[in-house]
Amino acid sequence: MNSAYLFRVGLGLVGLFGVTAGLSGCVGSPTYGTDKTAMEQLVDDVGSAVSLAPREPANKGTKYNPRPDLVLPPGGAQTAGLVAPQQSVASRENNPEWVESPEEARERLVAEADANADNPRYRSPLLAGYGTAGTMTETQKWQAFRDARALQKGAYIDQRRLLSDPPTEYRQTQDVALSDLGEPELKKEKRRKAEAKAARQGSSWWMPFQ
């Protein structure tokens, strides 16, 4: 009796120890390379957040050396022989051959027009046009404007002006096609209803899938 009782007690203790070890293995969380688990780290963070005592800075023991002074060139005769820095040539002030930008040309022409506002003999270069270097005369400008308007309205539909344009034969339509509006929708609906009714009359009730 005593041996059986001791055996049962020992077996129960062994089972309890195994269950405890298994639960401890399940409850324990990984540390991810640190010395604290996720729960311990959470408790520390919450405790430090609600703590009233001031926290010590992380760099409390760090020592900083003073920044050295700037190294300046010596003065006197040692710097007298230095070559002066070259001036930038990317401007009209330092380079007479610098090309005038469109913005500068616009500002120059506006200032010139404002200065000659009371001069009846003044004529702006923009109105004259020389026909050179891509500049069109006044007549050429008006002609280019008329051509652009004609092209916009489709005046050159019978010509092939660009290689990407389709051939002229493909862009021509018949006179009948221009006036033919097709079958009216009401007439088309009546015709379809009549065809469907005729199809139902020709079918038999014992052959539903014919």
Foldseek 3Di string as FASTA:
>chain_A
DVVVVVVVVVVVVVVVVVVVVVVVVVPDADPVPDPDHPVVVVVVVVCVVPDPDDDDDPCPPPDDDDDDDDDDDDDDPVPPPDDDDDDDCQDCVNDVPHDDDPVNVVVVQVVVCVVCVVPPPDDGCLQAWDPPPPTDHNVVVVVVVVVVVCVVVPVCLCDDPDPPDDHNVVVDDDPCVVPDPDDDPVVVVVVVVVVVVVVVVVDDPVCPPD
